[in-house]
Amino acid sequence: MAKKEEINIFEHELVPEARILNEDEKKALLQKYNITLFQLPKIFKRDPMVKALGAKVGDVIEIKRKSPTAGTVLFYRVVVDEI
């Protein structure tokens, strides 16, 4: 049986850059917007981006998207198990 080849989804041009925030960055983000962790938009732990990053439930992912009008825009998602 042939070995399954790993695919890096971040090499695709339509997949935005993403990273996991560290604890200090997460705390600063929540303080900046005066919100709790679970007031952030959610992303499921089964999402391919979450799996590729190795994120866990409760981690915050920063997604960097390109916009033709605004340049680069940052979005944040908290990893959840299920809604």
PDB file of N, CA and C in Angstrom:
ATOM      1  N   MET A   1       0.834  -1.174   0.000  1.00  0.00           N
ATOM      2  CA  MET A   1       0.000   0.000   0.000  1.00  0.00           C
ATOM      3  C   MET A   1       0.888   1.251   0.000  1.00  0.00           C
ATOM      4  N   ALA A   2       0.576   2.190  -0.865  1.00  0.00           N
ATOM      5  CA  ALA A   2       1.378   3.405  -0.996  1.00  0.00           C
ATOM      6  C   ALA A   2       1.153   4.328   0.198  1.00  0.00           C
ATOM      7  N   LYS A   3       2.213   5.018   0.588  1.00  0.00           N
ATOM      8  CA  LYS A   3       2.129   5.972   1.693  1.00  0.00           C
ATOM      9  C   LYS A   3       1.361   7.208   1.225  1.00  0.00           C
ATOM     10  N   LYS A   4       0.447   7.679   2.067  1.00  0.00           N
ATOM     11  CA  LYS A   4      -0.346   8.859   1.736  1.00  0.00           C
ATOM     12  C   LYS A   4       0.542  10.099   1.843  1.00  0.00           C
ATOM     13  N   GLU A   5       0.532  10.921   0.792  1.00  0.00           N
ATOM     14  CA  GLU A   5       1.356  12.118   0.756  1.00  0.00           C
ATOM     15  C   GLU A   5       0.700  13.247   1.546  1.00  0.00           C
ATOM     16  N   GLU A   6       1.497  13.935   2.360  1.00  0.00           N
ATOM     17  CA  GLU A   6       1.012  15.076   3.130  1.00  0.00           C
ATOM     18  C   GLU A   6       0.903  16.286   2.208  1.00  0.00           C
ATOM     19  N   ILE A   7      -0.176  17.015   2.350  1.00  0.00           N
ATOM     20  CA  ILE A   7      -0.388  18.221   1.558  1.00  0.00           C
ATOM     21  C   ILE A   7      -0.379  19.421   2.495  1.00  0.00           C
ATOM     22  N   ASN A   8       0.389  20.432   2.136  1.00  0.00           N
ATOM     23  CA  ASN A   8       0.436  21.662   2.921  1.00  0.00           C
ATOM     24  C   ASN A   8      -0.591  22.627   2.328  1.00  0.00           C
ATOM     25  N   ILE A   9      -1.720  22.806   3.015  1.00  0.00           N
ATOM     26  CA  ILE A   9      -2.783  23.641   2.476  1.00  0.00           C
ATOM     27  C   ILE A   9      -2.367  25.101   2.361  1.00  0.00           C
ATOM     28  N   PHE A  10      -1.383  25.525   3.143  1.00  0.00           N
ATOM     29  CA  PHE A  10      -0.959  26.920   3.135  1.00  0.00           C
ATOM     30  C   PHE A  10      -0.157  27.288   1.886  1.00  0.00           C
ATOM     31  N   GLU A  11       0.203  26.296   1.076  1.00  0.00           N
ATOM     32  CA  GLU A  11       0.903  26.570  -0.174  1.00  0.00           C
ATOM     33  C   GLU A  11      -0.065  26.971  -1.285  1.00  0.00           C
ATOM     34  N   HIS A  12      -1.359  26.765  -1.066  1.00  0.00           N
ATOM     35  CA  HIS A  12      -2.349  27.112  -2.086  1.00  0.00           C
ATOM     36  C   HIS A  12      -2.612  28.610  -2.058  1.00  0.00           C
ATOM     37  N   GLU A  13      -2.745  29.218  -3.222  1.00  0.00           N
ATOM     38  CA  GLU A  13      -2.899  30.677  -3.312  1.00  0.00           C
ATOM     39  C   GLU A  13      -4.196  31.203  -2.699  1.00  0.00           C
ATOM     40  N   LEU A  14      -5.223  30.374  -2.568  1.00  0.00           N
ATOM     41  CA  LEU A  14      -6.497  30.823  -2.017  1.00  0.00           C
ATOM     42  C   LEU A  14      -6.600  30.660  -0.502  1.00  0.00           C
ATOM     43  N   VAL A  15      -5.614  30.007   0.112  1.00  0.00           N
ATOM     44  CA  VAL A  15      -5.635  29.804   1.564  1.00  0.00           C
ATOM     45  C   VAL A  15      -4.859  30.947   2.223  1.00  0.00           C
ATOM     46  N   PRO A  16      -5.515  31.686   3.126  1.00  0.00           N
ATOM     47  CA  PRO A  16      -4.832  32.829   3.752  1.00  0.00           C
ATOM     48  C   PRO A  16      -3.783  32.377   4.764  1.00  0.00           C
ATOM     49  N   GLU A  17      -2.852  33.292   5.049  1.00  0.00           N
ATOM     50  CA  GLU A  17      -1.850  33.059   6.085  1.00  0.00           C
ATOM     51  C   GLU A  17      -2.550  32.959   7.436  1.00  0.00           C
ATOM     52  N   ALA A  18      -2.060  32.096   8.305  1.00  0.00           N
ATOM     53  CA  ALA A  18      -2.668  31.954   9.628  1.00  0.00           C
ATOM     54  C   ALA A  18      -1.615  31.510  10.636  1.00  0.00           C
ATOM     55  N   ARG A  19      -1.877  31.856  11.893  1.00  0.00           N
ATOM     56  CA  ARG A  19      -0.983  31.422  12.980  1.00  0.00           C
ATOM     57  C   ARG A  19      -1.775  31.384  14.274  1.00  0.00           C
ATOM     58  N   ILE A  20      -1.237  30.673  15.258  1.00  0.00           N
ATOM     59  CA  ILE A  20      -1.853  30.589  16.581  1.00  0.00           C
ATOM     60  C   ILE A  20      -1.246  31.688  17.448  1.00  0.00           C
ATOM     61  N   LEU A  21      -2.091  32.454  18.124  1.00  0.00           N
ATOM     62  CA  LEU A  21      -1.598  33.485  19.041  1.00  0.00           C
ATOM     63  C   LEU A  21      -1.065  32.832  20.314  1.00  0.00           C
ATOM     64  N   ASN A  22       0.003  33.411  20.871  1.00  0.00           N
ATOM     65  CA  ASN A  22       0.473  32.905  22.164  1.00  0.00           C
ATOM     66  C   ASN A  22      -0.420  33.499  23.263  1.00  0.00           C
ATOM     67  N   GLU A  23      -0.226  33.078  24.484  1.00  0.00           N
ATOM     68  CA  GLU A  23      -1.108  33.485  25.589  1.00  0.00           C
ATOM     69  C   GLU A  23      -1.102  34.992  25.824  1.00  0.00           C
ATOM     70  N   ASP A  24       0.066  35.628  25.724  1.00  0.00           N
ATOM     71  CA  ASP A  24       0.146  37.083  25.924  1.00  0.00           C
ATOM     72  C   ASP A  24      -0.612  37.829  24.821  1.00  0.00           C
ATOM     73  N   GLU A  25      -0.451  37.372  23.585  1.00  0.00           N
ATOM     74  CA  GLU A  25      -1.153  37.996  22.462  1.00  0.00           C
ATOM     75  C   GLU A  25      -2.666  37.809  22.587  1.00  0.00           C
ATOM     76  N   LYS A  26      -3.065  36.626  23.030  1.00  0.00           N
ATOM     77  CA  LYS A  26      -4.486  36.347  23.208  1.00  0.00           C
ATOM     78  C   LYS A  26      -5.082  37.267  24.276  1.00  0.00           C
ATOM     79  N   LYS A  27      -4.374  37.413  25.385  1.00  0.00           N
ATOM     80  CA  LYS A  27      -4.840  38.282  26.474  1.00  0.00           C
ATOM     81  C   LYS A  27      -4.941  39.728  26.001  1.00  0.00           C
ATOM     82  N   ALA A  28      -3.936  40.200  25.259  1.00  0.00           N
ATOM     83  CA  ALA A  28      -3.931  41.575  24.753  1.00  0.00           C
ATOM     84  C   ALA A  28      -5.086  41.805  23.774  1.00  0.00           C
ATOM     85  N   LEU A  29      -5.370  40.840  22.941  1.00  0.00           N
ATOM     86  CA  LEU A  29      -6.476  40.940  21.974  1.00  0.00           C
ATOM     87  C   LEU A  29      -7.809  41.068  22.702  1.00  0.00           C
ATOM     88  N   LEU A  30      -8.019  40.235  23.703  1.00  0.00           N
ATOM     89  CA  LEU A  30      -9.273  40.271  24.458  1.00  0.00           C
ATOM     90  C   LEU A  30      -9.427  41.583  25.220  1.00  0.00           C
ATOM     91  N   GLN A  31      -8.329  42.091  25.765  1.00  0.00           N
ATOM     92  CA  GLN A  31      -8.373  43.372  26.475  1.00  0.00           C
ATOM     93  C   GLN A  31      -8.624  44.531  25.509  1.00  0.00           C
ATOM     94  N   LYS A  32      -7.988  44.481  24.340  1.00  0.00           N
ATOM     95  CA  LYS A  32      -8.141  45.543  23.348  1.00  0.00           C
ATOM     96  C   LYS A  32      -9.605  45.741  22.959  1.00  0.00           C
ATOM     97  N   TYR A  33     -10.306  44.617  22.752  1.00  0.00           N
ATOM     98  CA  TYR A  33     -11.703  44.695  22.322  1.00  0.00           C
ATOM     99  C   TYR A  33     -12.695  44.537  23.478  1.00  0.00           C
ATOM    100  N   ASN A  34     -12.162  44.388  24.704  1.00  0.00           N
ATOM    101  CA  ASN A  34     -12.989  44.244  25.902  1.00  0.00           C
ATOM    102  C   ASN A  34     -14.044  43.140  25.734  1.00  0.00           C
ATOM    103  N   ILE A  35     -13.554  41.956  25.363  1.00  0.00           N
ATOM    104  CA  ILE A  35     -14.431  40.802  25.138  1.00  0.00           C
ATOM    105  C   ILE A  35     -13.876  39.588  25.871  1.00  0.00           C
ATOM    106  N   THR A  36     -14.698  38.539  25.945  1.00  0.00           N
ATOM    107  CA  THR A  36     -14.239  37.259  26.478  1.00  0.00           C
ATOM    108  C   THR A  36     -13.836  36.380  25.306  1.00  0.00           C
ATOM    109  N   LEU A  37     -13.129  35.332  25.607  1.00  0.00           N
ATOM    110  CA  LEU A  37     -12.631  34.421  24.578  1.00  0.00           C
ATOM    111  C   LEU A  37     -13.751  33.910  23.675  1.00  0.00           C
ATOM    112  N   PHE A  38     -14.863  33.531  24.263  1.00  0.00           N
ATOM    113  CA  PHE A  38     -15.903  32.900  23.462  1.00  0.00           C
ATOM    114  C   PHE A  38     -16.878  33.890  22.831  1.00  0.00           C
ATOM    115  N   GLN A  39     -16.538  35.187  22.891  1.00  0.00           N
ATOM    116  CA  GLN A  39     -17.261  36.183  22.101  1.00  0.00           C
ATOM    117  C   GLN A  39     -16.625  36.349  20.721  1.00  0.00           C
ATOM    118  N   LEU A  40     -15.448  35.748  20.535  1.00  0.00           N
ATOM    119  CA  LEU A  40     -14.812  35.756  19.219  1.00  0.00           C
ATOM    120  C   LEU A  40     -15.570  34.827  18.278  1.00  0.00           C
ATOM    121  N   PRO A  41     -15.486  35.074  16.973  1.00  0.00           N
ATOM    122  CA  PRO A  41     -16.045  34.107  16.024  1.00  0.00           C
ATOM    123  C   PRO A  41     -15.352  32.759  16.214  1.00  0.00           C
ATOM    124  N   LYS A  42     -16.039  31.692  15.878  1.00  0.00           N
ATOM    125  CA  LYS A  42     -15.537  30.352  16.145  1.00  0.00           C
ATOM    126  C   LYS A  42     -15.084  29.640  14.867  1.00  0.00           C
ATOM    127  N   ILE A  43     -14.185  28.670  15.076  1.00  0.00           N
ATOM    128  CA  ILE A  43     -13.743  27.781  14.011  1.00  0.00           C
ATOM    129  C   ILE A  43     -13.649  26.388  14.616  1.00  0.00           C
ATOM    130  N   PHE A  44     -14.179  25.403  13.920  1.00  0.00           N
ATOM    131  CA  PHE A  44     -14.190  24.034  14.449  1.00  0.00           C
ATOM    132  C   PHE A  44     -12.804  23.408  14.445  1.00  0.00           C
ATOM    133  N   LYS A  45     -12.541  22.577  15.439  1.00  0.00           N
ATOM    134  CA  LYS A  45     -11.240  21.898  15.516  1.00  0.00           C
ATOM    135  C   LYS A  45     -11.034  20.939  14.355  1.00  0.00           C
ATOM    136  N   ARG A  46     -12.105  20.558  13.653  1.00  0.00           N
ATOM    137  CA  ARG A  46     -11.974  19.651  12.508  1.00  0.00           C
ATOM    138  C   ARG A  46     -11.678  20.397  11.195  1.00  0.00           C
ATOM    139  N   ASP A  47     -11.618  21.742  11.238  1.00  0.00           N
ATOM    140  CA  ASP A  47     -11.314  22.544  10.061  1.00  0.00           C
ATOM    141  C   ASP A  47      -9.893  22.218   9.580  1.00  0.00           C
ATOM    142  N   PRO A  48      -9.685  22.080   8.276  1.00  0.00           N
ATOM    143  CA  PRO A  48      -8.348  21.754   7.761  1.00  0.00           C
ATOM    144  C   PRO A  48      -7.267  22.741   8.199  1.00  0.00           C
ATOM    145  N   MET A  49      -7.600  24.030   8.309  1.00  0.00           N
ATOM    146  CA  MET A  49      -6.614  25.019   8.748  1.00  0.00           C
ATOM    147  C   MET A  49      -6.198  24.761  10.194  1.00  0.00           C
ATOM    148  N   VAL A  50      -7.166  24.456  11.044  1.00  0.00           N
ATOM    149  CA  VAL A  50      -6.882  24.174  12.455  1.00  0.00           C
ATOM    150  C   VAL A  50      -5.996  22.940  12.565  1.00  0.00           C
ATOM    151  N   LYS A  51      -6.335  21.919  11.803  1.00  0.00           N
ATOM    152  CA  LYS A  51      -5.521  20.692  11.827  1.00  0.00           C
ATOM    153  C   LYS A  51      -4.102  20.953  11.348  1.00  0.00           C
ATOM    154  N   ALA A  52      -3.972  21.733  10.263  1.00  0.00           N
ATOM    155  CA  ALA A  52      -2.651  22.016   9.709  1.00  0.00           C
ATOM    156  C   ALA A  52      -1.786  22.810  10.683  1.00  0.00           C
ATOM    157  N   LEU A  53      -2.414  23.692  11.450  1.00  0.00           N
ATOM    158  CA  LEU A  53      -1.675  24.488  12.438  1.00  0.00           C
ATOM    159  C   LEU A  53      -1.391  23.714  13.718  1.00  0.00           C
ATOM    160  N   GLY A  54      -2.153  22.652  13.966  1.00  0.00           N
ATOM    161  CA  GLY A  54      -2.004  21.896  15.208  1.00  0.00           C
ATOM    162  C   GLY A  54      -2.640  22.609  16.387  1.00  0.00           C
ATOM    163  N   ALA A  55      -3.658  23.424  16.114  1.00  0.00           N
ATOM    164  CA  ALA A  55      -4.324  24.187  17.172  1.00  0.00           C
ATOM    165  C   ALA A  55      -5.225  23.295  18.020  1.00  0.00           C
ATOM    166  N   LYS A  56      -5.425  23.712  19.267  1.00  0.00           N
ATOM    167  CA  LYS A  56      -6.271  22.980  20.202  1.00  0.00           C
ATOM    168  C   LYS A  56      -7.487  23.831  20.548  1.00  0.00           C
ATOM    169  N   VAL A  57      -8.497  23.203  21.131  1.00  0.00           N
ATOM    170  CA  VAL A  57      -9.690  23.922  21.582  1.00  0.00           C
ATOM    171  C   VAL A  57      -9.249  25.016  22.558  1.00  0.00           C
ATOM    172  N   GLY A  58      -9.745  26.236  22.335  1.00  0.00           N
ATOM    173  CA  GLY A  58      -9.389  27.370  23.169  1.00  0.00           C
ATOM    174  C   GLY A  58      -8.283  28.236  22.589  1.00  0.00           C
ATOM    175  N   ASP A  59      -7.556  27.726  21.589  1.00  0.00           N
ATOM    176  CA  ASP A  59      -6.535  28.527  20.920  1.00  0.00           C
ATOM    177  C   ASP A  59      -7.210  29.592  20.062  1.00  0.00           C
ATOM    178  N   VAL A  60      -6.521  30.704  19.862  1.00  0.00           N
ATOM    179  CA  VAL A  60      -7.013  31.760  18.977  1.00  0.00           C
ATOM    180  C   VAL A  60      -6.122  31.784  17.745  1.00  0.00           C
ATOM    181  N   ILE A  61      -6.761  31.748  16.587  1.00  0.00           N
ATOM    182  CA  ILE A  61      -6.043  31.766  15.320  1.00  0.00           C
ATOM    183  C   ILE A  61      -6.187  33.149  14.702  1.00  0.00           C
ATOM    184  N   GLU A  62      -5.061  33.711  14.277  1.00  0.00           N
ATOM    185  CA  GLU A  62      -5.056  34.975  13.550  1.00  0.00           C
ATOM    186  C   GLU A  62      -4.961  34.642  12.065  1.00  0.00           C
ATOM    187  N   ILE A  63      -5.910  35.138  11.293  1.00  0.00           N
ATOM    188  CA  ILE A  63      -5.957  34.883   9.858  1.00  0.00           C
ATOM    189  C   ILE A  63      -5.702  36.197   9.144  1.00  0.00           C
ATOM    190  N   LYS A  64      -4.714  36.205   8.252  1.00  0.00           N
ATOM    191  CA  LYS A  64      -4.325  37.411   7.531  1.00  0.00           C
ATOM    192  C   LYS A  64      -4.833  37.285   6.094  1.00  0.00           C
ATOM    193  N   ARG A  65      -5.825  38.119   5.756  1.00  0.00           N
ATOM    194  CA  ARG A  65      -6.408  38.078   4.408  1.00  0.00           C
ATOM    195  C   ARG A  65      -6.043  39.339   3.650  1.00  0.00           C
ATOM    196  N   LYS A  66      -5.891  39.177   2.335  1.00  0.00           N
ATOM    197  CA  LYS A  66      -5.623  40.323   1.463  1.00  0.00           C
ATOM    198  C   LYS A  66      -6.947  40.880   0.972  1.00  0.00           C
ATOM    199  N   SER A  67      -7.036  42.208   0.973  1.00  0.00           N
ATOM    200  CA  SER A  67      -8.236  42.894   0.510  1.00  0.00           C
ATOM    201  C   SER A  67      -7.835  43.906  -0.560  1.00  0.00           C
ATOM    202  N   PRO A  68      -8.552  43.947  -1.668  1.00  0.00           N
ATOM    203  CA  PRO A  68      -8.197  44.912  -2.713  1.00  0.00           C
ATOM    204  C   PRO A  68      -8.393  46.372  -2.261  1.00  0.00           C
ATOM    205  N   THR A  69      -9.249  46.598  -1.291  1.00  0.00           N
ATOM    206  CA  THR A  69      -9.509  47.972  -0.841  1.00  0.00           C
ATOM    207  C   THR A  69      -8.813  48.321   0.469  1.00  0.00           C
ATOM    208  N   ALA A  70      -8.639  47.359   1.353  1.00  0.00           N
ATOM    209  CA  ALA A  70      -8.083  47.650   2.681  1.00  0.00           C
ATOM    210  C   ALA A  70      -6.669  47.138   2.868  1.00  0.00           C
ATOM    211  N   GLY A  71      -6.078  46.538   1.849  1.00  0.00           N
ATOM    212  CA  GLY A  71      -4.732  45.974   1.990  1.00  0.00           C
ATOM    213  C   GLY A  71      -4.802  44.630   2.690  1.00  0.00           C
ATOM    214  N   THR A  72      -4.148  44.523   3.831  1.00  0.00           N
ATOM    215  CA  THR A  72      -4.163  43.289   4.620  1.00  0.00           C
ATOM    216  C   THR A  72      -5.077  43.486   5.828  1.00  0.00           C
ATOM    217  N   VAL A  73      -5.942  42.500   6.067  1.00  0.00           N
ATOM    218  CA  VAL A  73      -6.900  42.573   7.169  1.00  0.00           C
ATOM    219  C   VAL A  73      -6.721  41.352   8.062  1.00  0.00           C
ATOM    220  N   LEU A  74      -6.741  41.574   9.378  1.00  0.00           N
ATOM    221  CA  LEU A  74      -6.600  40.479  10.332  1.00  0.00           C
ATOM    222  C   LEU A  74      -7.964  40.059  10.858  1.00  0.00           C
ATOM    223  N   PHE A  75      -8.175  38.748  10.918  1.00  0.00           N
ATOM    224  CA  PHE A  75      -9.382  38.166  11.486  1.00  0.00           C
ATOM    225  C   PHE A  75      -8.955  37.205  12.582  1.00  0.00           C
ATOM    226  N   TYR A  76      -9.802  37.035  13.580  1.00  0.00           N
ATOM    227  CA  TYR A  76      -9.477  36.149  14.692  1.00  0.00           C
ATOM    228  C   TYR A  76     -10.598  35.143  14.881  1.00  0.00           C
ATOM    229  N   ARG A  77     -10.223  33.899  15.175  1.00  0.00           N
ATOM    230  CA  ARG A  77     -11.182  32.830  15.422  1.00  0.00           C
ATOM    231  C   ARG A  77     -10.713  32.024  16.622  1.00  0.00           C
ATOM    232  N   VAL A  78     -11.645  31.622  17.483  1.00  0.00           N
ATOM    233  CA  VAL A  78     -11.309  30.745  18.599  1.00  0.00           C
ATOM    234  C   VAL A  78     -11.687  29.326  18.182  1.00  0.00           C
ATOM    235  N   VAL A  79     -10.817  28.380  18.492  1.00  0.00           N
ATOM    236  CA  VAL A  79     -11.060  26.981  18.141  1.00  0.00           C
ATOM    237  C   VAL A  79     -12.029  26.369  19.134  1.00  0.00           C
ATOM    238  N   VAL A  80     -13.096  25.761  18.600  1.00  0.00           N
ATOM    239  CA  VAL A  80     -14.100  25.101  19.434  1.00  0.00           C
ATOM    240  C   VAL A  80     -14.273  23.664  18.974  1.00  0.00           C
ATOM    241  N   ASP A  81     -14.765  22.835  19.902  1.00  0.00           N
ATOM    242  CA  ASP A  81     -15.036  21.434  19.609  1.00  0.00           C
ATOM    243  C   ASP A  81     -16.263  21.323  18.710  1.00  0.00           C
ATOM    244  N   GLU A  82     -17.372  21.783  19.185  1.00  0.00           N
ATOM    245  CA  GLU A  82     -18.657  21.818  18.465  1.00  0.00           C
ATOM    246  C   GLU A  82     -19.476  22.959  19.048  1.00  0.00           C
ATOM    247  N   ILE A  83     -20.429  23.439  18.304  1.00  0.00           N
ATOM    248  CA  ILE A  83     -21.285  24.528  18.819  1.00  0.00           C
ATOM    249  C   ILE A  83     -22.432  23.913  19.590  1.00  0.00           C
TER     250      ILE A  83
END
